[in-house]
N, C-alpha and C. Protein backbone atom coordinates (compact mmCIF):
# COMPACT_ATOMS: atom_id res chain seq x y z
N MET A 1 -16.10 -0.47 13.83
CA MET A 1 -14.66 -0.59 13.99
C MET A 1 -14.24 0.05 15.31
N ARG A 2 -13.17 -0.45 15.88
CA ARG A 2 -12.73 0.02 17.19
C ARG A 2 -12.01 1.36 17.13
N TYR A 3 -11.69 1.84 15.92
CA TYR A 3 -10.98 3.11 15.76
C TYR A 3 -11.82 4.10 14.96
N ASP A 4 -11.53 5.40 15.18
CA ASP A 4 -12.22 6.45 14.44
C ASP A 4 -11.40 6.99 13.28
N LEU A 5 -10.13 6.59 13.20
CA LEU A 5 -9.28 7.05 12.11
C LEU A 5 -8.16 6.04 11.88
N VAL A 6 -7.94 5.70 10.60
CA VAL A 6 -6.81 4.87 10.20
C VAL A 6 -5.77 5.78 9.54
N VAL A 7 -4.57 5.80 10.10
CA VAL A 7 -3.49 6.66 9.59
C VAL A 7 -2.46 5.77 8.92
N PHE A 8 -2.32 5.92 7.61
CA PHE A 8 -1.37 5.10 6.87
C PHE A 8 -0.04 5.83 6.70
N ASP A 9 1.05 5.13 6.95
CA ASP A 9 2.33 5.55 6.40
C ASP A 9 2.22 5.37 4.90
N ASN A 10 3.13 5.98 4.14
CA ASN A 10 3.03 5.89 2.68
C ASN A 10 4.03 4.90 2.09
N ASP A 11 5.32 5.20 2.24
CA ASP A 11 6.34 4.38 1.60
C ASP A 11 6.44 3.01 2.26
N GLY A 12 6.19 1.99 1.47
CA GLY A 12 6.24 0.62 1.98
C GLY A 12 4.91 0.11 2.49
N VAL A 13 3.95 1.03 2.70
CA VAL A 13 2.63 0.63 3.19
C VAL A 13 1.58 0.82 2.10
N LEU A 14 1.57 1.99 1.47
CA LEU A 14 0.65 2.23 0.36
C LEU A 14 1.33 1.99 -0.99
N VAL A 15 2.54 2.50 -1.13
CA VAL A 15 3.29 2.30 -2.38
C VAL A 15 4.57 1.53 -2.08
N ASP A 16 4.94 0.65 -3.00
CA ASP A 16 6.09 -0.24 -2.77
C ASP A 16 7.38 0.47 -3.17
N SER A 17 7.69 1.55 -2.46
CA SER A 17 8.77 2.45 -2.86
C SER A 17 10.07 2.23 -2.10
N GLU A 18 10.04 1.53 -0.98
CA GLU A 18 11.24 1.42 -0.16
C GLU A 18 12.42 0.77 -0.90
N PRO A 19 12.23 -0.32 -1.64
CA PRO A 19 13.38 -0.88 -2.35
C PRO A 19 13.98 0.11 -3.35
N ILE A 20 13.11 0.86 -4.05
CA ILE A 20 13.59 1.82 -5.04
C ILE A 20 14.37 2.94 -4.37
N SER A 21 13.75 3.58 -3.38
CA SER A 21 14.37 4.78 -2.80
C SER A 21 15.62 4.45 -1.99
N ASN A 22 15.63 3.32 -1.28
CA ASN A 22 16.81 2.98 -0.50
C ASN A 22 17.97 2.53 -1.37
N ARG A 23 17.68 1.88 -2.48
CA ARG A 23 18.75 1.53 -3.43
C ARG A 23 19.39 2.81 -3.98
N LEU A 24 18.55 3.77 -4.35
CA LEU A 24 19.07 5.02 -4.91
C LEU A 24 19.79 5.86 -3.85
N LEU A 25 19.26 5.87 -2.63
CA LEU A 25 19.90 6.63 -1.57
C LEU A 25 21.27 6.06 -1.25
N ALA A 26 21.36 4.75 -1.13
CA ALA A 26 22.66 4.11 -0.85
C ALA A 26 23.65 4.43 -1.96
N GLY A 27 23.19 4.36 -3.20
CA GLY A 27 24.08 4.64 -4.33
C GLY A 27 24.56 6.07 -4.36
N TYR A 28 23.66 7.01 -4.06
CA TYR A 28 24.02 8.42 -4.11
C TYR A 28 24.98 8.79 -2.97
N LEU A 29 24.71 8.28 -1.77
CA LEU A 29 25.62 8.54 -0.65
C LEU A 29 27.01 7.97 -0.94
N THR A 30 27.05 6.77 -1.49
CA THR A 30 28.33 6.15 -1.83
C THR A 30 29.07 6.99 -2.88
N GLU A 31 28.33 7.46 -3.86
CA GLU A 31 28.87 8.31 -4.92
C GLU A 31 29.52 9.57 -4.34
N LEU A 32 28.94 10.08 -3.25
CA LEU A 32 29.44 11.31 -2.62
C LEU A 32 30.55 11.05 -1.60
N GLY A 33 30.99 9.79 -1.50
CA GLY A 33 32.09 9.48 -0.59
C GLY A 33 31.66 9.03 0.79
N HIS A 34 30.39 8.61 0.91
CA HIS A 34 29.88 8.08 2.17
C HIS A 34 29.40 6.65 1.91
N PRO A 35 30.32 5.67 1.89
CA PRO A 35 29.96 4.30 1.50
C PRO A 35 28.76 3.78 2.29
N THR A 36 27.71 3.40 1.56
CA THR A 36 26.46 2.98 2.17
C THR A 36 25.89 1.83 1.35
N THR A 37 25.58 0.73 2.00
CA THR A 37 24.92 -0.39 1.32
C THR A 37 23.40 -0.21 1.38
N TYR A 38 22.73 -0.98 0.56
CA TYR A 38 21.26 -0.99 0.59
C TYR A 38 20.77 -1.34 1.99
N GLU A 39 21.40 -2.32 2.61
CA GLU A 39 21.01 -2.74 3.96
C GLU A 39 21.26 -1.63 4.98
N ASP A 40 22.36 -0.89 4.82
CA ASP A 40 22.63 0.26 5.68
C ASP A 40 21.51 1.29 5.58
N SER A 41 21.11 1.55 4.35
CA SER A 41 20.07 2.56 4.12
C SER A 41 18.76 2.15 4.76
N LEU A 42 18.38 0.88 4.62
CA LEU A 42 17.15 0.40 5.25
C LEU A 42 17.23 0.55 6.77
N ARG A 43 18.37 0.19 7.33
CA ARG A 43 18.54 0.24 8.78
C ARG A 43 18.49 1.68 9.31
N ASP A 44 19.15 2.58 8.63
CA ASP A 44 19.33 3.92 9.17
C ASP A 44 18.26 4.92 8.74
N TYR A 45 17.67 4.73 7.56
CA TYR A 45 16.85 5.80 6.99
C TYR A 45 15.42 5.40 6.63
N MET A 46 15.11 4.12 6.64
CA MET A 46 13.76 3.71 6.26
C MET A 46 12.73 4.34 7.20
N GLY A 47 11.78 5.04 6.62
CA GLY A 47 10.73 5.67 7.40
C GLY A 47 11.06 7.06 7.90
N ALA A 48 12.26 7.54 7.58
CA ALA A 48 12.71 8.82 8.12
C ALA A 48 12.54 9.95 7.12
N ALA A 49 12.46 11.17 7.64
CA ALA A 49 12.48 12.36 6.81
C ALA A 49 13.91 12.63 6.36
N MET A 50 14.06 13.45 5.32
CA MET A 50 15.38 13.68 4.73
C MET A 50 16.35 14.31 5.71
N HIS A 51 15.85 15.07 6.68
CA HIS A 51 16.79 15.71 7.60
C HIS A 51 17.60 14.68 8.39
N ARG A 52 17.05 13.47 8.57
CA ARG A 52 17.80 12.43 9.28
C ARG A 52 19.05 12.01 8.47
N VAL A 53 18.94 11.98 7.15
CA VAL A 53 20.09 11.63 6.33
C VAL A 53 21.20 12.67 6.54
N HIS A 54 20.82 13.93 6.46
CA HIS A 54 21.80 15.00 6.68
C HIS A 54 22.40 14.92 8.08
N ASP A 55 21.55 14.73 9.08
CA ASP A 55 22.02 14.72 10.47
C ASP A 55 22.99 13.57 10.74
N LEU A 56 22.64 12.37 10.24
CA LEU A 56 23.51 11.21 10.52
C LEU A 56 24.84 11.32 9.79
N VAL A 57 24.81 11.77 8.55
CA VAL A 57 26.07 11.91 7.80
C VAL A 57 26.97 12.92 8.48
N ARG A 58 26.40 14.04 8.90
CA ARG A 58 27.22 15.06 9.56
C ARG A 58 27.75 14.56 10.91
N GLU A 59 26.89 13.83 11.63
CA GLU A 59 27.30 13.30 12.94
C GLU A 59 28.44 12.30 12.79
N ARG A 60 28.38 11.48 11.75
CA ARG A 60 29.35 10.41 11.59
C ARG A 60 30.65 10.86 10.93
N THR A 61 30.56 11.87 10.07
CA THR A 61 31.73 12.24 9.27
C THR A 61 32.21 13.68 9.50
N GLY A 62 31.38 14.50 10.11
CA GLY A 62 31.71 15.91 10.27
C GLY A 62 31.55 16.70 8.99
N ARG A 63 31.04 16.08 7.94
CA ARG A 63 30.86 16.75 6.65
C ARG A 63 29.38 16.94 6.34
N ARG A 64 29.09 18.02 5.66
CA ARG A 64 27.71 18.28 5.23
C ARG A 64 27.48 17.71 3.83
N LEU A 65 26.29 17.27 3.59
CA LEU A 65 25.91 16.86 2.24
C LEU A 65 25.74 18.11 1.37
N PRO A 66 25.86 17.98 0.06
CA PRO A 66 25.71 19.15 -0.83
C PRO A 66 24.36 19.83 -0.64
N ALA A 67 24.33 21.12 -0.91
CA ALA A 67 23.11 21.90 -0.73
C ALA A 67 21.98 21.39 -1.62
N ASP A 68 22.34 20.82 -2.77
CA ASP A 68 21.30 20.33 -3.69
C ASP A 68 21.03 18.84 -3.53
N PHE A 69 21.49 18.26 -2.42
CA PHE A 69 21.35 16.81 -2.22
C PHE A 69 19.90 16.36 -2.36
N ASP A 70 18.99 17.02 -1.66
CA ASP A 70 17.58 16.60 -1.67
C ASP A 70 17.00 16.69 -3.08
N ASP A 71 17.30 17.77 -3.78
CA ASP A 71 16.74 17.96 -5.12
C ASP A 71 17.24 16.89 -6.09
N VAL A 72 18.55 16.62 -6.04
CA VAL A 72 19.11 15.60 -6.93
C VAL A 72 18.54 14.23 -6.60
N PHE A 73 18.48 13.91 -5.30
CA PHE A 73 17.95 12.61 -4.89
C PHE A 73 16.50 12.45 -5.33
N HIS A 74 15.69 13.47 -5.11
CA HIS A 74 14.28 13.35 -5.47
C HIS A 74 14.08 13.25 -6.98
N ARG A 75 14.89 13.92 -7.76
CA ARG A 75 14.78 13.77 -9.21
C ARG A 75 15.03 12.33 -9.62
N ARG A 76 16.04 11.73 -9.01
CA ARG A 76 16.34 10.32 -9.33
C ARG A 76 15.21 9.40 -8.89
N VAL A 77 14.69 9.65 -7.69
CA VAL A 77 13.61 8.82 -7.18
C VAL A 77 12.37 8.94 -8.04
N PHE A 78 11.99 10.16 -8.38
CA PHE A 78 10.76 10.35 -9.16
C PHE A 78 10.88 9.72 -10.55
N ALA A 79 12.07 9.82 -11.15
CA ALA A 79 12.29 9.18 -12.45
C ALA A 79 12.14 7.67 -12.33
N ALA A 80 12.67 7.10 -11.25
CA ALA A 80 12.54 5.66 -11.04
C ALA A 80 11.10 5.28 -10.75
N PHE A 81 10.38 6.11 -10.00
CA PHE A 81 8.97 5.85 -9.72
C PHE A 81 8.18 5.72 -11.03
N GLU A 82 8.45 6.61 -11.97
CA GLU A 82 7.70 6.60 -13.23
C GLU A 82 7.92 5.29 -13.99
N GLU A 83 9.07 4.67 -13.76
CA GLU A 83 9.38 3.41 -14.45
C GLU A 83 8.87 2.18 -13.71
N ASP A 84 9.03 2.18 -12.38
CA ASP A 84 8.91 0.93 -11.64
C ASP A 84 7.91 0.89 -10.49
N LEU A 85 7.40 2.03 -10.03
CA LEU A 85 6.62 2.03 -8.79
C LEU A 85 5.27 1.36 -8.96
N GLU A 86 4.90 0.57 -7.96
CA GLU A 86 3.59 -0.07 -7.93
C GLU A 86 2.99 0.12 -6.54
N ALA A 87 1.66 0.01 -6.47
CA ALA A 87 1.00 0.02 -5.17
C ALA A 87 1.31 -1.28 -4.44
N VAL A 88 1.30 -1.21 -3.12
CA VAL A 88 1.45 -2.42 -2.33
C VAL A 88 0.27 -3.34 -2.62
N PRO A 89 0.50 -4.62 -2.90
CA PRO A 89 -0.59 -5.53 -3.22
C PRO A 89 -1.69 -5.53 -2.15
N GLY A 90 -2.94 -5.39 -2.61
CA GLY A 90 -4.08 -5.44 -1.70
C GLY A 90 -4.50 -4.11 -1.13
N VAL A 91 -3.69 -3.06 -1.32
CA VAL A 91 -4.01 -1.80 -0.65
C VAL A 91 -5.18 -1.09 -1.33
N ALA A 92 -5.32 -1.19 -2.64
CA ALA A 92 -6.44 -0.53 -3.32
C ALA A 92 -7.77 -1.12 -2.85
N ALA A 93 -7.83 -2.43 -2.71
CA ALA A 93 -9.06 -3.07 -2.23
C ALA A 93 -9.37 -2.65 -0.80
N LEU A 94 -8.33 -2.51 0.02
CA LEU A 94 -8.53 -2.08 1.40
C LEU A 94 -9.07 -0.66 1.46
N LEU A 95 -8.49 0.23 0.67
CA LEU A 95 -8.96 1.63 0.66
C LEU A 95 -10.40 1.71 0.16
N GLU A 96 -10.71 0.91 -0.84
CA GLU A 96 -12.09 0.90 -1.35
C GLU A 96 -13.06 0.46 -0.26
N LYS A 97 -12.68 -0.54 0.50
CA LYS A 97 -13.54 -1.03 1.58
C LYS A 97 -13.72 0.05 2.66
N LEU A 98 -12.62 0.71 3.05
CA LEU A 98 -12.72 1.77 4.05
C LEU A 98 -13.64 2.88 3.56
N ALA A 99 -13.49 3.25 2.31
CA ALA A 99 -14.34 4.31 1.75
C ALA A 99 -15.80 3.90 1.72
N LEU A 100 -16.08 2.68 1.29
CA LEU A 100 -17.46 2.20 1.23
C LEU A 100 -18.08 2.10 2.61
N ASP A 101 -17.26 1.75 3.60
CA ASP A 101 -17.76 1.61 4.97
C ASP A 101 -17.81 2.95 5.72
N GLY A 102 -17.33 4.01 5.06
CA GLY A 102 -17.36 5.32 5.68
C GLY A 102 -16.37 5.48 6.83
N ILE A 103 -15.27 4.74 6.78
CA ILE A 103 -14.27 4.80 7.84
C ILE A 103 -13.21 5.85 7.48
N PRO A 104 -13.02 6.88 8.30
CA PRO A 104 -12.04 7.91 7.99
C PRO A 104 -10.62 7.35 7.94
N TYR A 105 -9.85 7.83 6.99
CA TYR A 105 -8.45 7.42 6.86
C TYR A 105 -7.66 8.59 6.27
N CYS A 106 -6.34 8.52 6.43
CA CYS A 106 -5.46 9.53 5.85
C CYS A 106 -4.07 8.92 5.72
N VAL A 107 -3.15 9.69 5.13
CA VAL A 107 -1.76 9.26 5.04
C VAL A 107 -0.90 10.29 5.77
N ALA A 108 0.06 9.81 6.55
CA ALA A 108 1.01 10.68 7.27
C ALA A 108 2.40 10.14 6.99
N SER A 109 3.14 10.83 6.14
CA SER A 109 4.39 10.29 5.60
C SER A 109 5.58 11.18 5.90
N SER A 110 6.74 10.54 6.09
CA SER A 110 7.98 11.29 6.22
C SER A 110 8.38 11.94 4.90
N GLY A 111 7.84 11.45 3.80
CA GLY A 111 8.15 12.01 2.49
C GLY A 111 7.51 13.36 2.28
N SER A 112 7.99 14.08 1.29
CA SER A 112 7.44 15.39 0.95
C SER A 112 6.06 15.24 0.32
N HIS A 113 5.32 16.33 0.29
CA HIS A 113 4.02 16.31 -0.39
C HIS A 113 4.19 15.91 -1.85
N GLU A 114 5.24 16.43 -2.50
CA GLU A 114 5.46 16.10 -3.90
C GLU A 114 5.71 14.60 -4.07
N ARG A 115 6.52 14.04 -3.19
CA ARG A 115 6.82 12.61 -3.30
C ARG A 115 5.56 11.77 -3.11
N ILE A 116 4.73 12.13 -2.14
CA ILE A 116 3.48 11.41 -1.92
C ILE A 116 2.61 11.45 -3.17
N ARG A 117 2.44 12.64 -3.73
CA ARG A 117 1.55 12.81 -4.87
C ARG A 117 2.08 12.13 -6.13
N VAL A 118 3.39 12.22 -6.35
CA VAL A 118 3.98 11.54 -7.51
C VAL A 118 3.72 10.04 -7.43
N GLY A 119 3.94 9.47 -6.25
CA GLY A 119 3.71 8.03 -6.07
C GLY A 119 2.26 7.64 -6.22
N HIS A 120 1.37 8.47 -5.70
CA HIS A 120 -0.06 8.15 -5.79
C HIS A 120 -0.56 8.26 -7.23
N ARG A 121 -0.09 9.28 -7.95
CA ARG A 121 -0.50 9.41 -9.36
C ARG A 121 -0.02 8.22 -10.17
N ARG A 122 1.21 7.82 -9.95
CA ARG A 122 1.79 6.72 -10.71
C ARG A 122 1.03 5.40 -10.47
N THR A 123 0.60 5.18 -9.23
CA THR A 123 -0.02 3.91 -8.86
C THR A 123 -1.56 3.94 -8.91
N GLY A 124 -2.14 5.11 -9.16
CA GLY A 124 -3.60 5.22 -9.19
C GLY A 124 -4.24 5.39 -7.82
N LEU A 125 -3.42 5.50 -6.78
CA LEU A 125 -3.99 5.68 -5.43
C LEU A 125 -4.48 7.10 -5.19
N ASP A 126 -4.18 8.01 -6.12
CA ASP A 126 -4.62 9.39 -5.93
C ASP A 126 -6.14 9.51 -5.86
N ARG A 127 -6.85 8.56 -6.41
CA ARG A 127 -8.32 8.61 -6.35
C ARG A 127 -8.83 8.49 -4.93
N TRP A 128 -8.01 7.93 -4.03
CA TRP A 128 -8.44 7.70 -2.65
C TRP A 128 -7.97 8.81 -1.70
N PHE A 129 -7.11 9.71 -2.18
CA PHE A 129 -6.51 10.69 -1.28
C PHE A 129 -6.62 12.10 -1.85
N ASP A 130 -7.60 12.85 -1.36
CA ASP A 130 -7.64 14.27 -1.69
C ASP A 130 -6.68 15.01 -0.77
N ASP A 131 -6.52 16.31 -0.99
CA ASP A 131 -5.53 17.08 -0.23
C ASP A 131 -5.78 17.03 1.27
N GLY A 132 -7.03 16.93 1.66
CA GLY A 132 -7.36 16.92 3.09
C GLY A 132 -6.99 15.65 3.81
N ARG A 133 -6.55 14.65 3.06
CA ARG A 133 -6.15 13.37 3.66
C ARG A 133 -4.64 13.14 3.62
N ILE A 134 -3.88 14.13 3.17
CA ILE A 134 -2.44 13.95 2.98
C ILE A 134 -1.66 14.84 3.94
N PHE A 135 -0.80 14.21 4.75
CA PHE A 135 0.03 14.94 5.71
C PHE A 135 1.48 14.48 5.55
N SER A 136 2.38 15.44 5.59
CA SER A 136 3.80 15.18 5.35
C SER A 136 4.64 15.73 6.50
N SER A 137 5.84 15.18 6.65
CA SER A 137 6.75 15.73 7.66
C SER A 137 7.07 17.19 7.36
N GLU A 138 6.84 17.63 6.13
CA GLU A 138 7.02 19.05 5.80
C GLU A 138 6.07 19.93 6.60
N ASP A 139 4.97 19.35 7.10
CA ASP A 139 3.96 20.13 7.81
C ASP A 139 4.31 20.37 9.27
N VAL A 140 5.32 19.69 9.77
CA VAL A 140 5.65 19.78 11.21
C VAL A 140 7.14 20.04 11.38
N GLY A 141 7.53 20.36 12.60
CA GLY A 141 8.94 20.68 12.85
C GLY A 141 9.85 19.47 12.89
N ARG A 142 9.34 18.35 13.41
CA ARG A 142 10.17 17.16 13.59
C ARG A 142 9.50 15.97 12.94
N GLY A 143 10.29 15.19 12.20
CA GLY A 143 9.76 13.98 11.59
C GLY A 143 9.81 12.80 12.54
N LYS A 144 9.38 11.64 12.08
CA LYS A 144 9.45 10.42 12.87
C LYS A 144 10.90 10.14 13.25
N PRO A 145 11.22 9.70 14.47
CA PRO A 145 10.34 9.05 15.45
C PRO A 145 9.60 9.99 16.41
N ALA A 146 9.72 11.30 16.21
CA ALA A 146 8.90 12.22 17.01
C ALA A 146 7.42 12.01 16.67
N PRO A 147 6.52 12.24 17.61
CA PRO A 147 5.10 11.99 17.37
C PRO A 147 4.39 13.11 16.62
N ASP A 148 5.10 14.20 16.32
CA ASP A 148 4.47 15.42 15.82
C ASP A 148 3.58 15.20 14.60
N LEU A 149 4.07 14.43 13.62
CA LEU A 149 3.32 14.25 12.38
C LEU A 149 2.00 13.52 12.63
N PHE A 150 2.02 12.46 13.41
CA PHE A 150 0.80 11.72 13.68
C PHE A 150 -0.18 12.55 14.50
N LEU A 151 0.33 13.31 15.44
CA LEU A 151 -0.55 14.18 16.24
C LEU A 151 -1.16 15.27 15.36
N HIS A 152 -0.37 15.81 14.44
CA HIS A 152 -0.87 16.82 13.51
C HIS A 152 -1.99 16.25 12.64
N ALA A 153 -1.78 15.04 12.11
CA ALA A 153 -2.80 14.41 11.26
C ALA A 153 -4.09 14.18 12.04
N ALA A 154 -3.97 13.68 13.26
CA ALA A 154 -5.16 13.42 14.08
C ALA A 154 -5.91 14.72 14.36
N GLU A 155 -5.16 15.76 14.68
CA GLU A 155 -5.81 17.04 14.97
C GLU A 155 -6.54 17.58 13.75
N ARG A 156 -5.89 17.52 12.61
CA ARG A 156 -6.52 18.02 11.38
C ARG A 156 -7.74 17.19 10.98
N MET A 157 -7.70 15.91 11.28
CA MET A 157 -8.83 15.03 10.97
C MET A 157 -9.91 15.06 12.05
N GLY A 158 -9.62 15.75 13.17
CA GLY A 158 -10.60 15.91 14.24
C GLY A 158 -10.83 14.67 15.08
N VAL A 159 -9.76 13.88 15.28
CA VAL A 159 -9.89 12.63 16.03
C VAL A 159 -8.85 12.62 17.15
N ALA A 160 -9.27 12.19 18.34
CA ALA A 160 -8.35 12.10 19.47
C ALA A 160 -7.30 11.02 19.20
N PRO A 161 -6.05 11.22 19.62
CA PRO A 161 -4.99 10.25 19.35
C PRO A 161 -5.34 8.82 19.77
N GLU A 162 -5.98 8.68 20.93
CA GLU A 162 -6.29 7.33 21.41
C GLU A 162 -7.34 6.62 20.58
N ARG A 163 -8.00 7.34 19.67
CA ARG A 163 -9.00 6.73 18.79
C ARG A 163 -8.44 6.45 17.40
N CYS A 164 -7.10 6.61 17.26
CA CYS A 164 -6.44 6.40 15.98
C CYS A 164 -5.64 5.09 15.99
N VAL A 165 -5.52 4.49 14.80
CA VAL A 165 -4.58 3.40 14.62
C VAL A 165 -3.69 3.76 13.44
N VAL A 166 -2.40 3.54 13.61
CA VAL A 166 -1.41 3.83 12.57
C VAL A 166 -0.99 2.52 11.93
N VAL A 167 -0.81 2.55 10.60
CA VAL A 167 -0.30 1.39 9.87
C VAL A 167 1.10 1.74 9.40
N GLU A 168 2.10 1.04 9.92
CA GLU A 168 3.50 1.39 9.71
C GLU A 168 4.33 0.16 9.35
N ASP A 169 5.45 0.41 8.66
CA ASP A 169 6.36 -0.69 8.34
C ASP A 169 7.79 -0.39 8.77
N SER A 170 8.02 0.72 9.49
CA SER A 170 9.38 1.05 9.89
C SER A 170 9.48 1.18 11.41
N PRO A 171 10.63 0.83 11.98
CA PRO A 171 10.83 1.02 13.43
C PRO A 171 10.63 2.47 13.86
N LEU A 172 11.10 3.42 13.04
CA LEU A 172 10.93 4.84 13.38
C LEU A 172 9.46 5.21 13.43
N GLY A 173 8.68 4.69 12.49
CA GLY A 173 7.25 4.99 12.46
C GLY A 173 6.51 4.38 13.63
N VAL A 174 6.88 3.17 14.00
CA VAL A 174 6.25 2.54 15.17
C VAL A 174 6.55 3.35 16.42
N ARG A 175 7.79 3.79 16.57
CA ARG A 175 8.15 4.61 17.74
C ARG A 175 7.36 5.91 17.76
N ALA A 176 7.17 6.51 16.60
CA ALA A 176 6.42 7.77 16.53
C ALA A 176 4.96 7.56 16.92
N ALA A 177 4.35 6.48 16.45
CA ALA A 177 2.95 6.20 16.77
C ALA A 177 2.76 5.94 18.26
N VAL A 178 3.68 5.15 18.83
CA VAL A 178 3.61 4.87 20.27
C VAL A 178 3.75 6.16 21.06
N ALA A 179 4.69 7.02 20.64
CA ALA A 179 4.90 8.29 21.34
C ALA A 179 3.68 9.20 21.22
N ALA A 180 2.91 9.03 20.15
CA ALA A 180 1.70 9.83 19.95
C ALA A 180 0.51 9.30 20.75
N GLY A 181 0.69 8.14 21.39
CA GLY A 181 -0.40 7.55 22.15
C GLY A 181 -1.41 6.82 21.29
N MET A 182 -0.97 6.37 20.13
CA MET A 182 -1.85 5.67 19.19
C MET A 182 -1.49 4.19 19.13
N ASP A 183 -2.48 3.35 18.85
CA ASP A 183 -2.19 1.97 18.51
C ASP A 183 -1.49 1.95 17.15
N VAL A 184 -0.68 0.93 16.92
CA VAL A 184 0.02 0.84 15.65
C VAL A 184 0.08 -0.61 15.20
N TYR A 185 -0.31 -0.84 13.95
CA TYR A 185 -0.24 -2.16 13.36
C TYR A 185 0.99 -2.21 12.46
N GLY A 186 1.90 -3.12 12.77
CA GLY A 186 3.16 -3.22 12.05
C GLY A 186 3.06 -4.15 10.86
N PHE A 187 3.42 -3.65 9.69
CA PHE A 187 3.35 -4.39 8.43
C PHE A 187 4.71 -5.04 8.18
N THR A 188 4.75 -6.37 8.21
CA THR A 188 6.01 -7.10 8.19
C THR A 188 6.38 -7.69 6.83
N ALA A 189 5.75 -7.21 5.76
CA ALA A 189 6.06 -7.75 4.44
C ALA A 189 7.53 -7.55 4.09
N MET A 190 8.11 -6.43 4.53
CA MET A 190 9.50 -6.13 4.19
C MET A 190 10.37 -6.00 5.43
N THR A 191 9.77 -5.66 6.56
CA THR A 191 10.53 -5.44 7.79
C THR A 191 10.37 -6.63 8.73
N PRO A 192 11.46 -7.21 9.23
CA PRO A 192 11.35 -8.33 10.16
C PRO A 192 10.50 -7.95 11.38
N ALA A 193 9.67 -8.87 11.79
CA ALA A 193 8.74 -8.60 12.90
C ALA A 193 9.47 -8.11 14.15
N GLY A 194 10.65 -8.64 14.41
CA GLY A 194 11.39 -8.25 15.60
C GLY A 194 11.75 -6.78 15.65
N LYS A 195 11.85 -6.15 14.46
CA LYS A 195 12.19 -4.73 14.42
C LYS A 195 10.96 -3.84 14.65
N LEU A 196 9.78 -4.45 14.66
CA LEU A 196 8.54 -3.70 14.91
C LEU A 196 7.92 -4.15 16.23
N ALA A 197 8.78 -4.52 17.15
CA ALA A 197 8.32 -5.16 18.39
C ALA A 197 7.40 -4.27 19.23
N GLY A 198 7.47 -2.96 19.06
CA GLY A 198 6.61 -2.07 19.83
C GLY A 198 5.20 -1.94 19.31
N ALA A 199 4.90 -2.62 18.19
CA ALA A 199 3.58 -2.49 17.57
C ALA A 199 2.50 -3.20 18.39
N THR A 200 1.28 -2.69 18.29
CA THR A 200 0.12 -3.29 18.96
C THR A 200 -0.20 -4.65 18.37
N ARG A 201 -0.18 -4.72 17.04
CA ARG A 201 -0.40 -5.97 16.31
C ARG A 201 0.57 -6.01 15.14
N LEU A 202 0.82 -7.20 14.62
CA LEU A 202 1.65 -7.37 13.44
C LEU A 202 0.86 -8.10 12.37
N PHE A 203 1.11 -7.76 11.11
CA PHE A 203 0.47 -8.48 10.00
C PHE A 203 1.40 -8.47 8.80
N GLN A 204 1.22 -9.44 7.92
CA GLN A 204 2.16 -9.61 6.80
C GLN A 204 1.54 -9.35 5.44
N ASP A 205 0.22 -9.27 5.37
CA ASP A 205 -0.46 -9.14 4.09
C ASP A 205 -1.60 -8.15 4.25
N MET A 206 -1.75 -7.24 3.27
CA MET A 206 -2.80 -6.23 3.36
C MET A 206 -4.19 -6.85 3.45
N GLY A 207 -4.33 -8.06 2.93
CA GLY A 207 -5.61 -8.74 3.02
C GLY A 207 -6.03 -9.01 4.46
N GLU A 208 -5.04 -9.08 5.37
CA GLU A 208 -5.33 -9.33 6.78
C GLU A 208 -5.83 -8.09 7.50
N LEU A 209 -5.47 -6.92 6.98
CA LEU A 209 -5.67 -5.69 7.73
C LEU A 209 -7.14 -5.35 7.93
N ALA A 210 -7.96 -5.57 6.94
CA ALA A 210 -9.39 -5.26 7.09
C ALA A 210 -10.00 -6.05 8.24
N ASP A 211 -9.62 -7.32 8.35
CA ASP A 211 -10.12 -8.13 9.44
C ASP A 211 -9.61 -7.65 10.79
N LEU A 212 -8.33 -7.28 10.85
CA LEU A 212 -7.75 -6.78 12.08
C LEU A 212 -8.46 -5.51 12.55
N LEU A 213 -8.75 -4.64 11.62
CA LEU A 213 -9.37 -3.36 11.95
C LEU A 213 -10.79 -3.52 12.45
N SER A 214 -11.45 -4.59 12.06
CA SER A 214 -12.84 -4.76 12.43
C SER A 214 -13.03 -5.54 13.72
N HIS A 215 -11.94 -5.97 14.35
CA HIS A 215 -12.04 -6.74 15.59
C HIS A 215 -11.33 -6.04 16.74
């Protein structure tokens, strides 16, 4: 393979969580007096760490979100995950192939460690990710689109940034990977290809990714 490390985003790439979490985020913000549609949430927050939600709301309205906003939101998300969350189709087979081929991989997500683990347990992906393969925006000072998280993951995995490829489905994630000096493959199953225009390659189905990685 042309890369020494495959770095996966989590939400929308490994677990099909974006529709769930953005629906709940839009609803909760609206409930708090910040009218937000599902489409607004996808545009503004998909792929971002929670601090971006706080920052944008304060910037736009001059008001702070409640101190318990993150805790309440995550309780709602985790409850919904237990009911509805599934792995992205084809991702388990891809991870199995990477493991069998001895290709290093990890996850670097804007979500918290707890959110990553809850989603992986629910979908059975936890068998592919021990603690040494999981990196969260909680581990660094700045989340995506800053490159910090991807650079941190590469350093911990012992791989130079230019030898890494990131698998992302959000514009913020693509920007972060490019800023980190990494190639990035944009997953267009949910995000229009035009919004991932900075990606090295684009693909629409996880079944395509193994072939892309080997060429």
